[in-house]
Amino acid sequence: MLDYLFGRGVGSQLPREGLEVVYSRRSGRIKLVLHNKRVFATVKPSGAIALSVYGASLLTRSRTFRKSCVVVTDEAAAFVKQGKSAFCKFVIEAGSNVYPKGEVAVLDRVGRVVGVGSATMRGEFMREFKSGVAVKVREGSG
């Protein structure tokens, strides 16, 4: 599933040990994926995966996953850490796999994950626009 969402080879960065799957008592579907008792990802009812900051930080070792990331200025990174949206005018770089409503990780200039959320537009447009929300942040690292 990670290869499908983020590109071929990203799934190989998934830790081999310490993974645990939590199922919903009501529906019996997968609800959470844990790694060493920390939330790696949440599985939405639609079947889509919503990464946590911790999960995204484990996957950033993959070059392919970096194509699904958005890099923001240091000024904006401080706000994203608090869970606030990332605006287009602060986007330095956006990967080629960034699509509207797609799952993305927001990185600072150094490459640390400062938040995760969903993109509002294609990555190529984020750099061109000077106003508007680029990423609706679901979880900040702060």
N, C-alpha and C. Protein backbone atom coordinates (compact mmCIF):
# COMPACT_ATOMS: atom_id res chain seq x y z
N MET A 1 0.82 -1.19 0.00
CA MET A 1 0.00 0.00 0.00
C MET A 1 0.87 1.26 0.00
N LEU A 2 1.97 1.25 0.74
CA LEU A 2 2.87 2.41 0.76
C LEU A 2 3.48 2.65 -0.61
N ASP A 3 3.82 1.58 -1.31
CA ASP A 3 4.37 1.73 -2.65
C ASP A 3 3.34 2.36 -3.59
N TYR A 4 2.08 1.98 -3.44
CA TYR A 4 1.02 2.52 -4.28
C TYR A 4 0.83 4.01 -4.01
N LEU A 5 0.81 4.41 -2.74
CA LEU A 5 0.56 5.81 -2.38
C LEU A 5 1.74 6.73 -2.63
N PHE A 6 2.95 6.26 -2.33
CA PHE A 6 4.10 7.15 -2.34
C PHE A 6 5.16 6.81 -3.38
N GLY A 7 5.03 5.69 -4.06
CA GLY A 7 6.00 5.33 -5.08
C GLY A 7 6.70 4.01 -4.78
N ARG A 8 7.13 3.36 -5.83
CA ARG A 8 7.77 2.06 -5.70
C ARG A 8 9.04 2.15 -4.85
N GLY A 9 9.15 1.25 -3.90
CA GLY A 9 10.33 1.17 -3.05
C GLY A 9 10.15 1.80 -1.68
N VAL A 10 9.10 2.59 -1.48
CA VAL A 10 8.88 3.23 -0.18
C VAL A 10 8.54 2.18 0.88
N GLY A 11 7.81 1.16 0.49
CA GLY A 11 7.44 0.09 1.42
C GLY A 11 8.65 -0.64 2.00
N SER A 12 9.77 -0.61 1.30
CA SER A 12 10.97 -1.27 1.81
C SER A 12 11.55 -0.55 3.03
N GLN A 13 11.16 0.71 3.25
CA GLN A 13 11.61 1.46 4.42
C GLN A 13 10.79 1.14 5.67
N LEU A 14 9.72 0.38 5.48
CA LEU A 14 8.87 -0.01 6.60
C LEU A 14 9.67 -0.91 7.54
N PRO A 15 9.68 -0.61 8.82
CA PRO A 15 10.44 -1.45 9.76
C PRO A 15 9.94 -2.89 9.74
N ARG A 16 10.84 -3.83 9.85
CA ARG A 16 10.47 -5.25 9.78
C ARG A 16 10.03 -5.80 11.13
N GLU A 17 10.46 -5.18 12.21
CA GLU A 17 10.11 -5.67 13.54
C GLU A 17 9.43 -4.57 14.34
N GLY A 18 8.62 -4.98 15.29
CA GLY A 18 7.96 -4.02 16.17
C GLY A 18 6.65 -3.48 15.63
N LEU A 19 6.18 -3.99 14.48
CA LEU A 19 4.92 -3.53 13.92
C LEU A 19 3.75 -4.26 14.57
N GLU A 20 2.69 -3.53 14.81
CA GLU A 20 1.48 -4.11 15.39
C GLU A 20 0.28 -3.47 14.70
N VAL A 21 -0.70 -4.28 14.39
CA VAL A 21 -1.91 -3.79 13.74
C VAL A 21 -3.05 -3.83 14.76
N VAL A 22 -3.79 -2.71 14.86
CA VAL A 22 -4.93 -2.62 15.77
C VAL A 22 -6.20 -2.62 14.92
N TYR A 23 -7.10 -3.53 15.25
CA TYR A 23 -8.35 -3.66 14.51
C TYR A 23 -9.49 -2.99 15.27
N SER A 24 -10.46 -2.50 14.53
CA SER A 24 -11.67 -1.92 15.12
C SER A 24 -12.52 -3.04 15.70
N ARG A 25 -13.01 -2.87 16.92
CA ARG A 25 -13.86 -3.89 17.53
C ARG A 25 -15.22 -3.96 16.85
N ARG A 26 -15.67 -2.82 16.36
CA ARG A 26 -17.00 -2.77 15.76
C ARG A 26 -17.01 -3.37 14.35
N SER A 27 -16.09 -2.92 13.49
CA SER A 27 -16.13 -3.35 12.09
C SER A 27 -15.13 -4.45 11.75
N GLY A 28 -14.13 -4.64 12.59
CA GLY A 28 -13.11 -5.65 12.30
C GLY A 28 -12.07 -5.20 11.30
N ARG A 29 -12.12 -3.95 10.88
CA ARG A 29 -11.16 -3.42 9.90
C ARG A 29 -9.92 -2.89 10.62
N ILE A 30 -8.85 -2.76 9.85
CA ILE A 30 -7.61 -2.20 10.41
C ILE A 30 -7.86 -0.73 10.74
N LYS A 31 -7.48 -0.35 11.94
CA LYS A 31 -7.69 1.02 12.42
C LYS A 31 -6.37 1.78 12.55
N LEU A 32 -5.38 1.14 13.16
CA LEU A 32 -4.07 1.76 13.40
C LEU A 32 -2.95 0.78 13.07
N VAL A 33 -1.81 1.35 12.71
CA VAL A 33 -0.58 0.58 12.58
C VAL A 33 0.41 1.21 13.56
N LEU A 34 0.90 0.40 14.48
CA LEU A 34 1.84 0.87 15.51
C LEU A 34 3.23 0.32 15.23
N HIS A 35 4.23 1.08 15.61
CA HIS A 35 5.61 0.62 15.57
C HIS A 35 6.23 0.93 16.92
N ASN A 36 6.63 -0.11 17.64
CA ASN A 36 7.17 0.04 18.99
C ASN A 36 6.24 0.87 19.88
N LYS A 37 4.94 0.56 19.80
CA LYS A 37 3.89 1.20 20.60
C LYS A 37 3.62 2.65 20.24
N ARG A 38 4.22 3.16 19.16
CA ARG A 38 3.95 4.52 18.68
C ARG A 38 3.14 4.44 17.39
N VAL A 39 2.23 5.37 17.20
CA VAL A 39 1.36 5.34 16.02
C VAL A 39 2.20 5.63 14.77
N PHE A 40 2.20 4.68 13.86
CA PHE A 40 2.89 4.83 12.58
C PHE A 40 1.93 5.44 11.56
N ALA A 41 0.70 4.91 11.51
CA ALA A 41 -0.29 5.40 10.56
C ALA A 41 -1.69 5.02 11.03
N THR A 42 -2.65 5.78 10.54
CA THR A 42 -4.06 5.50 10.76
C THR A 42 -4.64 5.08 9.41
N VAL A 43 -5.50 4.09 9.44
CA VAL A 43 -6.15 3.66 8.21
C VAL A 43 -7.57 4.23 8.21
N LYS A 44 -7.86 5.06 7.22
CA LYS A 44 -9.17 5.71 7.11
C LYS A 44 -10.21 4.68 6.66
N PRO A 45 -11.50 4.97 6.90
CA PRO A 45 -12.55 4.04 6.46
C PRO A 45 -12.52 3.76 4.95
N SER A 46 -12.01 4.70 4.18
CA SER A 46 -11.91 4.51 2.73
C SER A 46 -10.77 3.56 2.36
N GLY A 47 -9.92 3.23 3.33
CA GLY A 47 -8.77 2.37 3.06
C GLY A 47 -7.48 3.14 2.86
N ALA A 48 -7.57 4.46 2.78
CA ALA A 48 -6.38 5.29 2.61
C ALA A 48 -5.56 5.32 3.90
N ILE A 49 -4.28 5.51 3.75
CA ILE A 49 -3.38 5.58 4.90
C ILE A 49 -3.07 7.03 5.23
N ALA A 50 -3.20 7.38 6.50
CA ALA A 50 -2.85 8.72 6.99
C ALA A 50 -1.65 8.55 7.91
N LEU A 51 -0.48 8.96 7.45
CA LEU A 51 0.74 8.81 8.23
C LEU A 51 0.74 9.74 9.44
N SER A 52 1.41 9.30 10.50
CA SER A 52 1.69 10.19 11.61
C SER A 52 3.03 10.86 11.34
N VAL A 53 3.39 11.85 12.14
CA VAL A 53 4.70 12.50 12.01
C VAL A 53 5.79 11.46 12.21
N TYR A 54 5.60 10.59 13.18
CA TYR A 54 6.57 9.53 13.46
C TYR A 54 6.72 8.61 12.24
N GLY A 55 5.61 8.20 11.65
CA GLY A 55 5.65 7.33 10.49
C GLY A 55 6.33 7.98 9.30
N ALA A 56 6.02 9.25 9.07
CA ALA A 56 6.63 9.98 7.95
C ALA A 56 8.14 10.12 8.17
N SER A 57 8.55 10.33 9.42
CA SER A 57 9.99 10.50 9.69
C SER A 57 10.75 9.20 9.42
N LEU A 58 10.11 8.05 9.62
CA LEU A 58 10.77 6.78 9.29
C LEU A 58 10.89 6.59 7.78
N LEU A 59 9.92 7.10 7.03
CA LEU A 59 9.92 6.90 5.59
C LEU A 59 10.77 7.92 4.83
N THR A 60 11.19 9.00 5.47
CA THR A 60 11.97 10.03 4.77
C THR A 60 13.34 9.53 4.33
N ARG A 61 13.75 8.37 4.80
CA ARG A 61 15.02 7.79 4.34
C ARG A 61 14.95 7.37 2.88
N SER A 62 13.73 7.21 2.37
CA SER A 62 13.53 6.79 0.98
C SER A 62 13.52 8.01 0.06
N ARG A 63 14.32 7.96 -0.99
CA ARG A 63 14.33 9.06 -1.96
C ARG A 63 12.99 9.20 -2.66
N THR A 64 12.36 8.08 -2.91
CA THR A 64 11.06 8.09 -3.59
C THR A 64 10.01 8.78 -2.72
N PHE A 65 10.05 8.54 -1.40
CA PHE A 65 9.08 9.19 -0.51
C PHE A 65 9.26 10.70 -0.51
N ARG A 66 10.47 11.17 -0.69
CA ARG A 66 10.73 12.61 -0.71
C ARG A 66 10.01 13.31 -1.86
N LYS A 67 9.59 12.54 -2.88
CA LYS A 67 8.81 13.12 -3.97
C LYS A 67 7.38 13.43 -3.52
N SER A 68 7.00 12.93 -2.35
CA SER A 68 5.68 13.19 -1.78
C SER A 68 5.78 14.16 -0.60
N CYS A 69 6.81 14.97 -0.59
CA CYS A 69 7.04 15.90 0.51
C CYS A 69 7.06 17.35 0.02
N VAL A 70 6.78 18.25 0.95
CA VAL A 70 6.82 19.68 0.68
C VAL A 70 7.81 20.30 1.67
N VAL A 71 8.75 21.09 1.17
CA VAL A 71 9.74 21.75 2.01
C VAL A 71 9.33 23.21 2.17
N VAL A 72 9.30 23.68 3.43
CA VAL A 72 8.91 25.06 3.71
C VAL A 72 10.06 25.81 4.38
N THR A 73 9.93 27.14 4.42
CA THR A 73 10.94 27.97 5.06
C THR A 73 10.97 27.72 6.56
N ASP A 74 12.03 28.15 7.21
CA ASP A 74 12.15 27.99 8.66
C ASP A 74 11.04 28.75 9.40
N GLU A 75 10.68 29.90 8.87
CA GLU A 75 9.61 30.70 9.47
C GLU A 75 8.28 29.92 9.48
N ALA A 76 7.96 29.31 8.36
CA ALA A 76 6.71 28.55 8.25
C ALA A 76 6.78 27.25 9.02
N ALA A 77 7.96 26.64 9.12
CA ALA A 77 8.12 25.37 9.83
C ALA A 77 7.70 25.50 11.29
N ALA A 78 7.97 26.65 11.89
CA ALA A 78 7.57 26.87 13.29
C ALA A 78 6.06 26.81 13.45
N PHE A 79 5.31 27.31 12.47
CA PHE A 79 3.86 27.28 12.53
C PHE A 79 3.32 25.88 12.21
N VAL A 80 3.94 25.21 11.26
CA VAL A 80 3.50 23.87 10.89
C VAL A 80 3.69 22.92 12.08
N LYS A 81 4.75 23.09 12.85
CA LYS A 81 4.97 22.27 14.04
C LYS A 81 3.80 22.38 15.01
N GLN A 82 3.14 23.53 15.03
CA GLN A 82 1.99 23.76 15.92
C GLN A 82 0.69 23.22 15.31
N GLY A 83 0.77 22.65 14.11
CA GLY A 83 -0.41 22.09 13.47
C GLY A 83 -1.14 23.05 12.56
N LYS A 84 -0.51 24.18 12.23
CA LYS A 84 -1.14 25.17 11.35
C LYS A 84 -0.81 24.86 9.89
N SER A 85 -1.66 25.29 9.00
CA SER A 85 -1.50 25.02 7.57
C SER A 85 -0.25 25.69 7.00
N ALA A 86 0.29 25.08 5.95
CA ALA A 86 1.45 25.64 5.24
C ALA A 86 0.93 26.40 4.03
N PHE A 87 1.37 27.64 3.87
CA PHE A 87 0.92 28.50 2.78
C PHE A 87 1.91 28.47 1.62
N CYS A 88 1.38 28.70 0.42
CA CYS A 88 2.16 28.62 -0.81
C CYS A 88 3.39 29.52 -0.81
N LYS A 89 3.25 30.73 -0.27
CA LYS A 89 4.37 31.67 -0.35
C LYS A 89 5.59 31.22 0.45
N PHE A 90 5.41 30.23 1.34
CA PHE A 90 6.52 29.74 2.14
C PHE A 90 7.08 28.41 1.63
N VAL A 91 6.53 27.89 0.55
CA VAL A 91 7.00 26.62 -0.01
C VAL A 91 8.28 26.85 -0.80
N ILE A 92 9.32 26.12 -0.45
CA ILE A 92 10.61 26.20 -1.13
C ILE A 92 10.66 25.17 -2.25
N GLU A 93 10.15 23.99 -1.94
CA GLU A 93 10.22 22.87 -2.88
C GLU A 93 9.04 21.94 -2.63
N ALA A 94 8.51 21.37 -3.70
CA ALA A 94 7.43 20.38 -3.59
C ALA A 94 7.74 19.24 -4.56
N GLY A 95 7.55 18.03 -4.09
CA GLY A 95 7.87 16.86 -4.89
C GLY A 95 6.92 16.65 -6.06
N SER A 96 7.35 15.81 -6.99
CA SER A 96 6.56 15.56 -8.19
C SER A 96 5.35 14.66 -7.93
N ASN A 97 5.31 13.98 -6.78
CA ASN A 97 4.17 13.12 -6.42
C ASN A 97 3.17 13.83 -5.52
N VAL A 98 3.21 15.14 -5.45
CA VAL A 98 2.27 15.89 -4.61
C VAL A 98 1.06 16.25 -5.47
N TYR A 99 -0.10 15.70 -5.07
CA TYR A 99 -1.35 15.92 -5.79
C TYR A 99 -2.43 16.42 -4.85
N PRO A 100 -3.46 17.08 -5.37
CA PRO A 100 -4.55 17.56 -4.50
C PRO A 100 -5.18 16.41 -3.71
N LYS A 101 -5.40 16.66 -2.43
CA LYS A 101 -5.97 15.70 -1.47
C LYS A 101 -5.07 14.50 -1.23
N GLY A 102 -3.84 14.57 -1.69
CA GLY A 102 -2.88 13.49 -1.46
C GLY A 102 -2.17 13.67 -0.14
N GLU A 103 -1.73 12.58 0.43
CA GLU A 103 -1.01 12.58 1.69
C GLU A 103 0.41 13.11 1.47
N VAL A 104 0.82 14.10 2.25
CA VAL A 104 2.17 14.66 2.13
C VAL A 104 2.79 14.87 3.50
N ALA A 105 4.10 14.89 3.52
CA ALA A 105 4.85 15.26 4.71
C ALA A 105 5.44 16.64 4.47
N VAL A 106 5.41 17.49 5.49
CA VAL A 106 5.99 18.83 5.39
C VAL A 106 7.34 18.79 6.10
N LEU A 107 8.38 19.20 5.40
CA LEU A 107 9.75 19.16 5.93
C LEU A 107 10.29 20.57 6.10
N ASP A 108 11.25 20.72 7.04
CA ASP A 108 11.97 21.98 7.13
C ASP A 108 13.15 21.92 6.16
N ARG A 109 13.96 22.97 6.12
CA ARG A 109 15.08 23.03 5.17
C ARG A 109 16.09 21.89 5.37
N VAL A 110 16.25 21.43 6.61
CA VAL A 110 17.22 20.38 6.93
C VAL A 110 16.71 19.00 6.50
N GLY A 111 15.39 18.84 6.38
CA GLY A 111 14.82 17.56 6.00
C GLY A 111 14.09 16.85 7.11
N ARG A 112 13.88 17.52 8.25
CA ARG A 112 13.12 16.94 9.36
C ARG A 112 11.64 17.12 9.11
N VAL A 113 10.85 16.12 9.48
CA VAL A 113 9.41 16.20 9.32
C VAL A 113 8.85 17.12 10.40
N VAL A 114 8.15 18.17 9.98
CA VAL A 114 7.53 19.10 10.94
C VAL A 114 6.02 18.96 10.97
N GLY A 115 5.46 18.23 10.00
CA GLY A 115 4.03 18.01 9.98
C GLY A 115 3.61 17.09 8.85
N VAL A 116 2.39 16.58 8.96
CA VAL A 116 1.80 15.76 7.90
C VAL A 116 0.39 16.25 7.64
N GLY A 117 -0.08 16.09 6.41
CA GLY A 117 -1.42 16.53 6.08
C GLY A 117 -1.75 16.21 4.64
N SER A 118 -2.72 16.94 4.10
CA SER A 118 -3.11 16.71 2.72
C SER A 118 -2.87 17.96 1.88
N ALA A 119 -2.40 17.73 0.67
CA ALA A 119 -2.10 18.83 -0.25
C ALA A 119 -3.41 19.39 -0.79
N THR A 120 -3.42 20.67 -1.10
CA THR A 120 -4.61 21.29 -1.69
C THR A 120 -4.45 21.50 -3.19
N MET A 121 -3.24 21.33 -3.68
CA MET A 121 -2.97 21.51 -5.11
C MET A 121 -1.73 20.72 -5.51
N ARG A 122 -1.45 20.65 -6.79
CA ARG A 122 -0.25 19.97 -7.27
C ARG A 122 1.00 20.68 -6.77
N GLY A 123 2.06 19.91 -6.58
CA GLY A 123 3.31 20.46 -6.08
C GLY A 123 3.90 21.54 -6.96
N GLU A 124 3.79 21.42 -8.27
CA GLU A 124 4.37 22.41 -9.18
C GLU A 124 3.68 23.77 -9.03
N PHE A 125 2.40 23.78 -8.65
CA PHE A 125 1.68 25.04 -8.49
C PHE A 125 1.97 25.70 -7.14
N MET A 126 2.34 24.90 -6.15
CA MET A 126 2.63 25.45 -4.82
C MET A 126 3.76 26.47 -4.88
N ARG A 127 4.75 26.20 -5.70
CA ARG A 127 5.89 27.12 -5.81
C ARG A 127 5.53 28.37 -6.58
N GLU A 128 4.58 28.26 -7.50
CA GLU A 128 4.22 29.39 -8.35
C GLU A 128 3.25 30.36 -7.67
N PHE A 129 2.33 29.84 -6.86
CA PHE A 129 1.34 30.70 -6.22
C PHE A 129 1.98 31.48 -5.07
N LYS A 130 1.51 32.67 -4.86
CA LYS A 130 2.03 33.50 -3.77
C LYS A 130 1.03 33.67 -2.63
N SER A 131 -0.15 33.08 -2.79
CA SER A 131 -1.15 33.13 -1.72
C SER A 131 -1.93 31.82 -1.71
N GLY A 132 -2.58 31.55 -0.60
CA GLY A 132 -3.39 30.36 -0.48
C GLY A 132 -2.70 29.24 0.29
N VAL A 133 -3.50 28.29 0.73
CA VAL A 133 -3.00 27.16 1.51
C VAL A 133 -2.43 26.11 0.57
N ALA A 134 -1.24 25.64 0.87
CA ALA A 134 -0.60 24.58 0.09
C ALA A 134 -0.88 23.21 0.71
N VAL A 135 -0.77 23.13 2.03
CA VAL A 135 -0.99 21.87 2.75
C VAL A 135 -1.85 22.12 3.98
N LYS A 136 -2.95 21.39 4.08
CA LYS A 136 -3.76 21.42 5.29
C LYS A 136 -3.13 20.43 6.26
N VAL A 137 -2.50 20.95 7.28
CA VAL A 137 -1.74 20.11 8.21
C VAL A 137 -2.70 19.44 9.19
N ARG A 138 -2.57 18.12 9.31
CA ARG A 138 -3.39 17.32 10.22
C ARG A 138 -2.71 17.16 11.58
N GLU A 139 -1.38 17.05 11.53
CA GLU A 139 -0.61 16.83 12.77
C GLU A 139 0.74 17.53 12.64
N GLY A 140 1.08 18.32 13.63
CA GLY A 140 2.39 18.96 13.69
C GLY A 140 3.30 18.21 14.65
N SER A 141 4.58 18.40 14.51
CA SER A 141 5.54 17.68 15.34
C SER A 141 5.76 18.31 16.71
N GLY A 142 5.21 19.49 16.93
CA GLY A 142 5.46 20.22 18.17
C GLY A 142 4.64 19.81 19.35
